[in-house]
Structures are given as C-alpha cells and as structure tokens.
Amino acid sequence: TAGVFHVSVRVEKETNEELAKPLELTHADWTS
C-alpha cells in the first residue's frame, strides 16, 4: 500500500573448491 513495502533479503553463498591454489582469486573454483 502507499508507503508500506514487503521486502525480501537473500544472501547467496559459494565455496571455493580449488585445491592447488585456493588463495588466488584468479584460480578460484566457485560452487554454489
């Protein structure tokens, strides 16, 4: 209604499955 909003928040998360170079962002292997 006027001035009343229904809001939804989601935080999408992924893990880095890179084995050899897990600290290098360019080699990251992201899995949902």
PDB file of all heavy atoms in Angstrom:
ATOM      1  N   THR A   1       0.877  -1.170   0.000  1.00  0.00           N
ATOM      2  CA  THR A   1       0.000   0.000   0.000  1.00  0.00           C
ATOM      3  C   THR A   1       0.913   1.218   0.000  1.00  0.00           C
ATOM      4  O   THR A   1       2.133   1.076   0.045  1.00  0.00           O
ATOM      5  CB  THR A   1      -0.913   0.019   1.255  1.00  0.00           C
ATOM      6  OG1 THR A   1      -0.088   0.070   2.420  1.00  0.00           O
ATOM      7  CG2 THR A   1      -1.824  -1.187   1.313  1.00  0.00           C
ATOM      8  N   ALA A   2       0.345   2.385  -0.025  1.00  0.00           N
ATOM      9  CA  ALA A   2       1.153   3.612  -0.070  1.00  0.00           C
ATOM     10  C   ALA A   2       2.089   3.672   1.134  1.00  0.00           C
ATOM     11  O   ALA A   2       1.641   3.715   2.273  1.00  0.00           O
ATOM     12  CB  ALA A   2       0.247   4.827  -0.098  1.00  0.00           C
ATOM     13  N   GLY A   3       3.374   3.617   0.875  1.00  0.00           N
ATOM     14  CA  GLY A   3       4.368   3.722   1.933  1.00  0.00           C
ATOM     15  C   GLY A   3       4.682   2.440   2.681  1.00  0.00           C
ATOM     16  O   GLY A   3       5.543   2.439   3.551  1.00  0.00           O
ATOM     17  N   VAL A   4       4.005   1.351   2.373  1.00  0.00           N
ATOM     18  CA  VAL A   4       4.266   0.065   3.035  1.00  0.00           C
ATOM     19  C   VAL A   4       4.806  -0.903   1.992  1.00  0.00           C
ATOM     20  O   VAL A   4       4.160  -1.158   0.978  1.00  0.00           O
ATOM     21  CB  VAL A   4       2.998  -0.521   3.695  1.00  0.00           C
ATOM     22  CG1 VAL A   4       3.294  -1.868   4.329  1.00  0.00           C
ATOM     23  CG2 VAL A   4       2.448   0.446   4.733  1.00  0.00           C
ATOM     24  N   PHE A   5       5.991  -1.416   2.261  1.00  0.00           N
ATOM     25  CA  PHE A   5       6.668  -2.300   1.316  1.00  0.00           C
ATOM     26  C   PHE A   5       6.913  -3.666   1.946  1.00  0.00           C
ATOM     27  O   PHE A   5       7.270  -3.756   3.128  1.00  0.00           O
ATOM     28  CB  PHE A   5       8.016  -1.710   0.891  1.00  0.00           C
ATOM     29  CG  PHE A   5       7.902  -0.444   0.098  1.00  0.00           C
ATOM     30  CD1 PHE A   5       7.792   0.784   0.725  1.00  0.00           C
ATOM     31  CD2 PHE A   5       7.885  -0.488  -1.290  1.00  0.00           C
ATOM     32  CE1 PHE A   5       7.681   1.949  -0.006  1.00  0.00           C
ATOM     33  CE2 PHE A   5       7.776   0.673  -2.032  1.00  0.00           C
ATOM     34  CZ  PHE A   5       7.672   1.894  -1.390  1.00  0.00           C
ATOM     35  N   HIS A   6       6.716  -4.708   1.145  1.00  0.00           N
ATOM     36  CA  HIS A   6       7.097  -6.063   1.551  1.00  0.00           C
ATOM     37  C   HIS A   6       8.496  -6.288   0.991  1.00  0.00           C
ATOM     38  O   HIS A   6       8.702  -6.192  -0.220  1.00  0.00           O
ATOM     39  CB  HIS A   6       6.115  -7.105   0.992  1.00  0.00           C
ATOM     40  CG  HIS A   6       6.457  -8.491   1.427  1.00  0.00           C
ATOM     41  ND1 HIS A   6       6.221  -8.937   2.705  1.00  0.00           N
ATOM     42  CD2 HIS A   6       7.046  -9.511   0.765  1.00  0.00           C
ATOM     43  CE1 HIS A   6       6.642 -10.180   2.809  1.00  0.00           C
ATOM     44  NE2 HIS A   6       7.156 -10.551   1.644  1.00  0.00           N
ATOM     45  N   VAL A   7       9.459  -6.553   1.870  1.00  0.00           N
ATOM     46  CA  VAL A   7      10.849  -6.705   1.449  1.00  0.00           C
ATOM     47  C   VAL A   7      11.318  -8.137   1.668  1.00  0.00           C
ATOM     48  O   VAL A   7      10.878  -8.817   2.590  1.00  0.00           O
ATOM     49  CB  VAL A   7      11.779  -5.710   2.184  1.00  0.00           C
ATOM     50  CG1 VAL A   7      11.396  -4.284   1.865  1.00  0.00           C
ATOM     51  CG2 VAL A   7      11.765  -5.933   3.676  1.00  0.00           C
ATOM     52  N   SER A   8      12.216  -8.590   0.796  1.00  0.00           N
ATOM     53  CA  SER A   8      12.815  -9.917   0.882  1.00  0.00           C
ATOM     54  C   SER A   8      14.317  -9.769   0.727  1.00  0.00           C
ATOM     55  O   SER A   8      14.786  -9.030  -0.141  1.00  0.00           O
ATOM     56  CB  SER A   8      12.283 -10.825  -0.235  1.00  0.00           C
ATOM     57  OG  SER A   8      10.887 -10.906  -0.189  1.00  0.00           O
ATOM     58  N   VAL A   9      15.067 -10.472   1.571  1.00  0.00           N
ATOM     59  CA  VAL A   9      16.523 -10.422   1.535  1.00  0.00           C
ATOM     60  C   VAL A   9      17.051 -11.845   1.415  1.00  0.00           C
ATOM     61  O   VAL A   9      16.574 -12.761   2.083  1.00  0.00           O
ATOM     62  CB  VAL A   9      17.105  -9.761   2.808  1.00  0.00           C
ATOM     63  CG1 VAL A   9      18.625  -9.713   2.751  1.00  0.00           C
ATOM     64  CG2 VAL A   9      16.525  -8.370   3.013  1.00  0.00           C
ATOM     65  N   ARG A  10      18.042 -12.018   0.556  1.00  0.00           N
ATOM     66  CA  ARG A  10      18.692 -13.310   0.345  1.00  0.00           C
ATOM     67  C   ARG A  10      20.190 -13.082   0.293  1.00  0.00           C
ATOM     68  O   ARG A  10      20.651 -12.113  -0.302  1.00  0.00           O
ATOM     69  CB  ARG A  10      18.232 -13.929  -0.973  1.00  0.00           C
ATOM     70  CG  ARG A  10      19.003 -15.154  -1.368  1.00  0.00           C
ATOM     71  CD  ARG A  10      18.567 -15.697  -2.731  1.00  0.00           C
ATOM     72  NE  ARG A  10      19.396 -16.834  -3.064  1.00  0.00           N
ATOM     73  CZ  ARG A  10      20.001 -17.003  -4.218  1.00  0.00           C
ATOM     74  NH1 ARG A  10      19.831 -16.127  -5.190  1.00  0.00           N
ATOM     75  NH2 ARG A  10      20.753 -18.052  -4.423  1.00  0.00           N
ATOM     76  N   VAL A  11      20.965 -13.971   0.929  1.00  0.00           N
ATOM     77  CA  VAL A  11      22.416 -13.915   0.823  1.00  0.00           C
ATOM     78  C   VAL A  11      22.872 -15.215   0.170  1.00  0.00           C
ATOM     79  O   VAL A  11      22.812 -16.286   0.760  1.00  0.00           O
ATOM     80  CB  VAL A  11      23.097 -13.708   2.191  1.00  0.00           C
ATOM     81  CG1 VAL A  11      24.614 -13.766   2.046  1.00  0.00           C
ATOM     82  CG2 VAL A  11      22.681 -12.363   2.791  1.00  0.00           C
ATOM     83  N   GLU A  12      23.266 -15.086  -1.074  1.00  0.00           N
ATOM     84  CA  GLU A  12      23.756 -16.206  -1.889  1.00  0.00           C
ATOM     85  C   GLU A  12      25.190 -16.505  -1.454  1.00  0.00           C
ATOM     86  O   GLU A  12      25.982 -15.585  -1.250  1.00  0.00           O
ATOM     87  CB  GLU A  12      23.696 -15.740  -3.342  1.00  0.00           C
ATOM     88  CG  GLU A  12      24.307 -16.598  -4.359  1.00  0.00           C
ATOM     89  CD  GLU A  12      24.267 -15.947  -5.729  1.00  0.00           C
ATOM     90  OE1 GLU A  12      23.950 -14.738  -5.862  1.00  0.00           O
ATOM     91  OE2 GLU A  12      24.552 -16.661  -6.686  1.00  0.00           O
ATOM     92  N   LYS A  13      25.522 -17.788  -1.307  1.00  0.00           N
ATOM     93  CA  LYS A  13      26.852 -18.146  -0.815  1.00  0.00           C
ATOM     94  C   LYS A  13      27.462 -19.236  -1.685  1.00  0.00           C
ATOM     95  O   LYS A  13      26.777 -20.176  -2.091  1.00  0.00           O
ATOM     96  CB  LYS A  13      26.751 -18.632   0.630  1.00  0.00           C
ATOM     97  CG  LYS A  13      28.071 -18.757   1.338  1.00  0.00           C
ATOM     98  CD  LYS A  13      27.850 -19.012   2.816  1.00  0.00           C
ATOM     99  CE  LYS A  13      29.167 -19.107   3.539  1.00  0.00           C
ATOM    100  NZ  LYS A  13      28.976 -19.380   4.954  1.00  0.00           N
ATOM    101  N   GLU A  14      28.762 -19.114  -1.970  1.00  0.00           N
ATOM    102  CA  GLU A  14      29.500 -20.112  -2.747  1.00  0.00           C
ATOM    103  C   GLU A  14      30.808 -20.422  -2.027  1.00  0.00           C
ATOM    104  O   GLU A  14      31.343 -19.581  -1.300  1.00  0.00           O
ATOM    105  CB  GLU A  14      29.806 -19.584  -4.155  1.00  0.00           C
ATOM    106  CG  GLU A  14      28.577 -19.331  -4.989  1.00  0.00           C
ATOM    107  CD  GLU A  14      28.884 -18.822  -6.383  1.00  0.00           C
ATOM    108  OE1 GLU A  14      30.041 -18.446  -6.653  1.00  0.00           O
ATOM    109  OE2 GLU A  14      27.958 -18.812  -7.215  1.00  0.00           O
ATOM    110  N   THR A  15      31.316 -21.645  -2.230  1.00  0.00           N
ATOM    111  CA  THR A  15      32.594 -22.047  -1.640  1.00  0.00           C
ATOM    112  C   THR A  15      33.627 -22.254  -2.737  1.00  0.00           C
ATOM    113  O   THR A  15      33.296 -22.614  -3.861  1.00  0.00           O
ATOM    114  CB  THR A  15      32.464 -23.345  -0.823  1.00  0.00           C
ATOM    115  OG1 THR A  15      31.969 -24.378  -1.670  1.00  0.00           O
ATOM    116  CG2 THR A  15      31.537 -23.166   0.358  1.00  0.00           C
ATOM    117  N   ASN A  16      34.890 -22.043  -2.383  1.00  0.00           N
ATOM    118  CA  ASN A  16      35.998 -22.204  -3.316  1.00  0.00           C
ATOM    119  C   ASN A  16      36.506 -23.641  -3.224  1.00  0.00           C
ATOM    120  O   ASN A  16      37.042 -24.056  -2.202  1.00  0.00           O
ATOM    121  CB  ASN A  16      37.114 -21.207  -2.987  1.00  0.00           C
ATOM    122  CG  ASN A  16      38.263 -21.274  -3.968  1.00  0.00           C
ATOM    123  OD1 ASN A  16      38.215 -21.974  -4.964  1.00  0.00           O
ATOM    124  ND2 ASN A  16      39.309 -20.523  -3.680  1.00  0.00           N
ATOM    125  N   GLU A  17      36.344 -24.395  -4.296  1.00  0.00           N
ATOM    126  CA  GLU A  17      36.750 -25.799  -4.327  1.00  0.00           C
ATOM    127  C   GLU A  17      38.119 -25.993  -4.989  1.00  0.00           C
ATOM    128  O   GLU A  17      38.500 -27.124  -5.287  1.00  0.00           O
ATOM    129  CB  GLU A  17      35.679 -26.642  -5.034  1.00  0.00           C
ATOM    130  CG  GLU A  17      34.329 -26.606  -4.352  1.00  0.00           C
ATOM    131  CD  GLU A  17      34.359 -27.120  -2.917  1.00  0.00           C
ATOM    132  OE1 GLU A  17      35.090 -28.090  -2.637  1.00  0.00           O
ATOM    133  OE2 GLU A  17      33.656 -26.536  -2.075  1.00  0.00           O
ATOM    134  N   GLU A  18      38.860 -24.925  -5.202  1.00  0.00           N
ATOM    135  CA  GLU A  18      40.196 -25.007  -5.792  1.00  0.00           C
ATOM    136  C   GLU A  18      41.142 -25.682  -4.804  1.00  0.00           C
ATOM    137  O   GLU A  18      41.250 -25.277  -3.648  1.00  0.00           O
ATOM    138  CB  GLU A  18      40.711 -23.605  -6.148  1.00  0.00           C
ATOM    139  CG  GLU A  18      42.149 -23.532  -6.576  1.00  0.00           C
ATOM    140  CD  GLU A  18      42.473 -24.326  -7.835  1.00  0.00           C
ATOM    141  OE1 GLU A  18      41.572 -24.525  -8.684  1.00  0.00           O
ATOM    142  OE2 GLU A  18      43.623 -24.752  -7.961  1.00  0.00           O
ATOM    143  N   LEU A  19      41.836 -26.716  -5.259  1.00  0.00           N
ATOM    144  CA  LEU A  19      42.744 -27.473  -4.390  1.00  0.00           C
ATOM    145  C   LEU A  19      44.169 -26.934  -4.443  1.00  0.00           C
ATOM    146  O   LEU A  19      44.817 -26.746  -3.423  1.00  0.00           O
ATOM    147  CB  LEU A  19      42.732 -28.956  -4.782  1.00  0.00           C
ATOM    148  CG  LEU A  19      43.609 -29.884  -3.958  1.00  0.00           C
ATOM    149  CD1 LEU A  19      43.158 -29.885  -2.508  1.00  0.00           C
ATOM    150  CD2 LEU A  19      43.556 -31.294  -4.517  1.00  0.00           C
ATOM    151  N   ALA A  20      44.685 -26.656  -5.642  1.00  0.00           N
ATOM    152  CA  ALA A  20      46.092 -26.301  -5.799  1.00  0.00           C
ATOM    153  C   ALA A  20      46.412 -24.883  -5.315  1.00  0.00           C
ATOM    154  O   ALA A  20      47.416 -24.683  -4.634  1.00  0.00           O
ATOM    155  CB  ALA A  20      46.507 -26.455  -7.262  1.00  0.00           C
ATOM    156  N   LYS A  21      45.593 -23.900  -5.671  1.00  0.00           N
ATOM    157  CA  LYS A  21      45.876 -22.503  -5.324  1.00  0.00           C
ATOM    158  C   LYS A  21      44.621 -21.832  -4.749  1.00  0.00           C
ATOM    159  O   LYS A  21      44.061 -20.922  -5.360  1.00  0.00           O
ATOM    160  CB  LYS A  21      46.352 -21.749  -6.560  1.00  0.00           C
ATOM    161  CG  LYS A  21      47.651 -22.303  -7.135  1.00  0.00           C
ATOM    162  CD  LYS A  21      48.055 -21.541  -8.375  1.00  0.00           C
ATOM    163  CE  LYS A  21      49.340 -22.118  -8.938  1.00  0.00           C
ATOM    164  NZ  LYS A  21      49.762 -21.416 -10.145  1.00  0.00           N
ATOM    165  N   PRO A  22      44.199 -22.244  -3.565  1.00  0.00           N
ATOM    166  CA  PRO A  22      42.944 -21.696  -3.020  1.00  0.00           C
ATOM    167  C   PRO A  22      43.010 -20.237  -2.608  1.00  0.00           C
ATOM    168  O   PRO A  22      41.983 -19.607  -2.422  1.00  0.00           O
ATOM    169  CB  PRO A  22      42.670 -22.593  -1.812  1.00  0.00           C
ATOM    170  CG  PRO A  22      44.012 -23.085  -1.398  1.00  0.00           C
ATOM    171  CD  PRO A  22      44.803 -23.219  -2.673  1.00  0.00           C
ATOM    172  N   LEU A  23      44.211 -19.670  -2.463  1.00  0.00           N
ATOM    173  CA  LEU A  23      44.338 -18.270  -2.061  1.00  0.00           C
ATOM    174  C   LEU A  23      44.455 -17.312  -3.230  1.00  0.00           C
ATOM    175  O   LEU A  23      44.588 -16.109  -3.034  1.00  0.00           O
ATOM    176  CB  LEU A  23      45.546 -18.094  -1.127  1.00  0.00           C
ATOM    177  CG  LEU A  23      45.381 -18.739   0.252  1.00  0.00           C
ATOM    178  CD1 LEU A  23      46.671 -18.644   1.034  1.00  0.00           C
ATOM    179  CD2 LEU A  23      44.245 -18.097   1.021  1.00  0.00           C
ATOM    180  N   GLU A  24      44.414 -17.842  -4.451  1.00  0.00           N
ATOM    181  CA  GLU A  24      44.498 -16.988  -5.630  1.00  0.00           C
ATOM    182  C   GLU A  24      43.113 -16.852  -6.260  1.00  0.00           C
ATOM    183  O   GLU A  24      42.545 -17.827  -6.750  1.00  0.00           O
ATOM    184  CB  GLU A  24      45.499 -17.558  -6.625  1.00  0.00           C
ATOM    185  CG  GLU A  24      46.926 -17.503  -6.108  1.00  0.00           C
ATOM    186  CD  GLU A  24      47.940 -17.937  -7.138  1.00  0.00           C
ATOM    187  OE1 GLU A  24      47.655 -17.824  -8.357  1.00  0.00           O
ATOM    188  OE2 GLU A  24      49.011 -18.388  -6.721  1.00  0.00           O
ATOM    189  N   LEU A  25      42.608 -15.650  -6.246  1.00  0.00           N
ATOM    190  CA  LEU A  25      41.254 -15.377  -6.734  1.00  0.00           C
ATOM    191  C   LEU A  25      41.079 -15.756  -8.202  1.00  0.00           C
ATOM    192  O   LEU A  25      40.018 -16.240  -8.599  1.00  0.00           O
ATOM    193  CB  LEU A  25      40.915 -13.903  -6.516  1.00  0.00           C
ATOM    194  CG  LEU A  25      39.477 -13.475  -6.754  1.00  0.00           C
ATOM    195  CD1 LEU A  25      38.515 -14.311  -5.914  1.00  0.00           C
ATOM    196  CD2 LEU A  25      39.303 -12.005  -6.446  1.00  0.00           C
ATOM    197  N   THR A  26      42.132 -15.603  -8.993  1.00  0.00           N
ATOM    198  CA  THR A  26      42.026 -15.920 -10.423  1.00  0.00           C
ATOM    199  C   THR A  26      41.893 -17.421 -10.674  1.00  0.00           C
ATOM    200  O   THR A  26      41.440 -17.829 -11.730  1.00  0.00           O
ATOM    201  CB  THR A  26      43.247 -15.389 -11.195  1.00  0.00           C
ATOM    202  OG1 THR A  26      44.433 -15.927 -10.614  1.00  0.00           O
ATOM    203  CG2 THR A  26      43.281 -13.873 -11.171  1.00  0.00           C
ATOM    204  N   HIS A  27      42.274 -18.257  -9.715  1.00  0.00           N
ATOM    205  CA  HIS A  27      42.168 -19.710  -9.867  1.00  0.00           C
ATOM    206  C   HIS A  27      40.964 -20.293  -9.116  1.00  0.00           C
ATOM    207  O   HIS A  27      40.779 -21.503  -9.099  1.00  0.00           O
ATOM    208  CB  HIS A  27      43.440 -20.393  -9.363  1.00  0.00           C
ATOM    209  CG  HIS A  27      44.615 -20.162 -10.244  1.00  0.00           C
ATOM    210  ND1 HIS A  27      45.473 -19.097 -10.053  1.00  0.00           N
ATOM    211  CD2 HIS A  27      45.067 -20.829 -11.328  1.00  0.00           C
ATOM    212  CE1 HIS A  27      46.413 -19.132 -10.978  1.00  0.00           C
ATOM    213  NE2 HIS A  27      46.182 -20.156 -11.777  1.00  0.00           N
ATOM    214  N   ALA A  28      40.179 -19.450  -8.483  1.00  0.00           N
ATOM    215  CA  ALA A  28      39.064 -19.925  -7.654  1.00  0.00           C
ATOM    216  C   ALA A  28      38.072 -20.742  -8.482  1.00  0.00           C
ATOM    217  O   ALA A  28      37.804 -20.433  -9.644  1.00  0.00           O
ATOM    218  CB  ALA A  28      38.350 -18.751  -7.007  1.00  0.00           C
ATOM    219  N   ASP A  29      37.554 -21.791  -7.867  1.00  0.00           N
ATOM    220  CA  ASP A  29      36.554 -22.680  -8.478  1.00  0.00           C
ATOM    221  C   ASP A  29      35.310 -22.625  -7.586  1.00  0.00           C
ATOM    222  O   ASP A  29      35.198 -23.382  -6.627  1.00  0.00           O
ATOM    223  CB  ASP A  29      37.115 -24.102  -8.569  1.00  0.00           C
ATOM    224  CG  ASP A  29      36.123 -25.087  -9.150  1.00  0.00           C
ATOM    225  OD1 ASP A  29      35.163 -24.652  -9.818  1.00  0.00           O
ATOM    226  OD2 ASP A  29      36.312 -26.302  -8.928  1.00  0.00           O
ATOM    227  N   TRP A  30      34.393 -21.697  -7.904  1.00  0.00           N
ATOM    228  CA  TRP A  30      33.249 -21.442  -7.038  1.00  0.00           C
ATOM    229  C   TRP A  30      32.132 -22.447  -7.269  1.00  0.00           C
ATOM    230  O   TRP A  30      31.741 -22.713  -8.396  1.00  0.00           O
ATOM    231  CB  TRP A  30      32.736 -20.027  -7.250  1.00  0.00           C
ATOM    232  CG  TRP A  30      33.754 -18.988  -6.933  1.00  0.00           C
ATOM    233  CD1 TRP A  30      34.401 -18.182  -7.822  1.00  0.00           C
ATOM    234  CD2 TRP A  30      34.266 -18.660  -5.649  1.00  0.00           C
ATOM    235  NE1 TRP A  30      35.276 -17.363  -7.161  1.00  0.00           N
ATOM    236  CE2 TRP A  30      35.225 -17.638  -5.821  1.00  0.00           C
ATOM    237  CE3 TRP A  30      34.029 -19.121  -4.355  1.00  0.00           C
ATOM    238  CZ2 TRP A  30      35.914 -17.068  -4.765  1.00  0.00           C
ATOM    239  CZ3 TRP A  30      34.720 -18.556  -3.307  1.00  0.00           C
ATOM    240  CH2 TRP A  30      35.647 -17.548  -3.507  1.00  0.00           C
ATOM    241  N   THR A  31      31.603 -22.990  -6.167  1.00  0.00           N
ATOM    242  CA  THR A  31      30.497 -23.946  -6.201  1.00  0.00           C
ATOM    243  C   THR A  31      29.386 -23.417  -5.301  1.00  0.00           C
ATOM    244  O   THR A  31      29.644 -23.035  -4.152  1.00  0.00           O
ATOM    245  CB  THR A  31      30.955 -25.330  -5.697  1.00  0.00           C
ATOM    246  OG1 THR A  31      32.044 -25.765  -6.504  1.00  0.00           O
ATOM    247  CG2 THR A  31      29.828 -26.338  -5.771  1.00  0.00           C
ATOM    248  N   SER A  32      28.162 -23.408  -5.807  1.00  0.00           N
ATOM    249  CA  SER A  32      27.022 -22.913  -5.028  1.00  0.00           C
ATOM    250  C   SER A  32      26.803 -23.757  -3.788  1.00  0.00           C
ATOM    251  O   SER A  32      26.928 -24.974  -3.818  1.00  0.00           O
ATOM    252  CB  SER A  32      25.748 -22.937  -5.872  1.00  0.00           C
ATOM    253  OG  SER A  32      25.843 -21.998  -6.905  1.00  0.00           O
TER     254      SER A  32
END
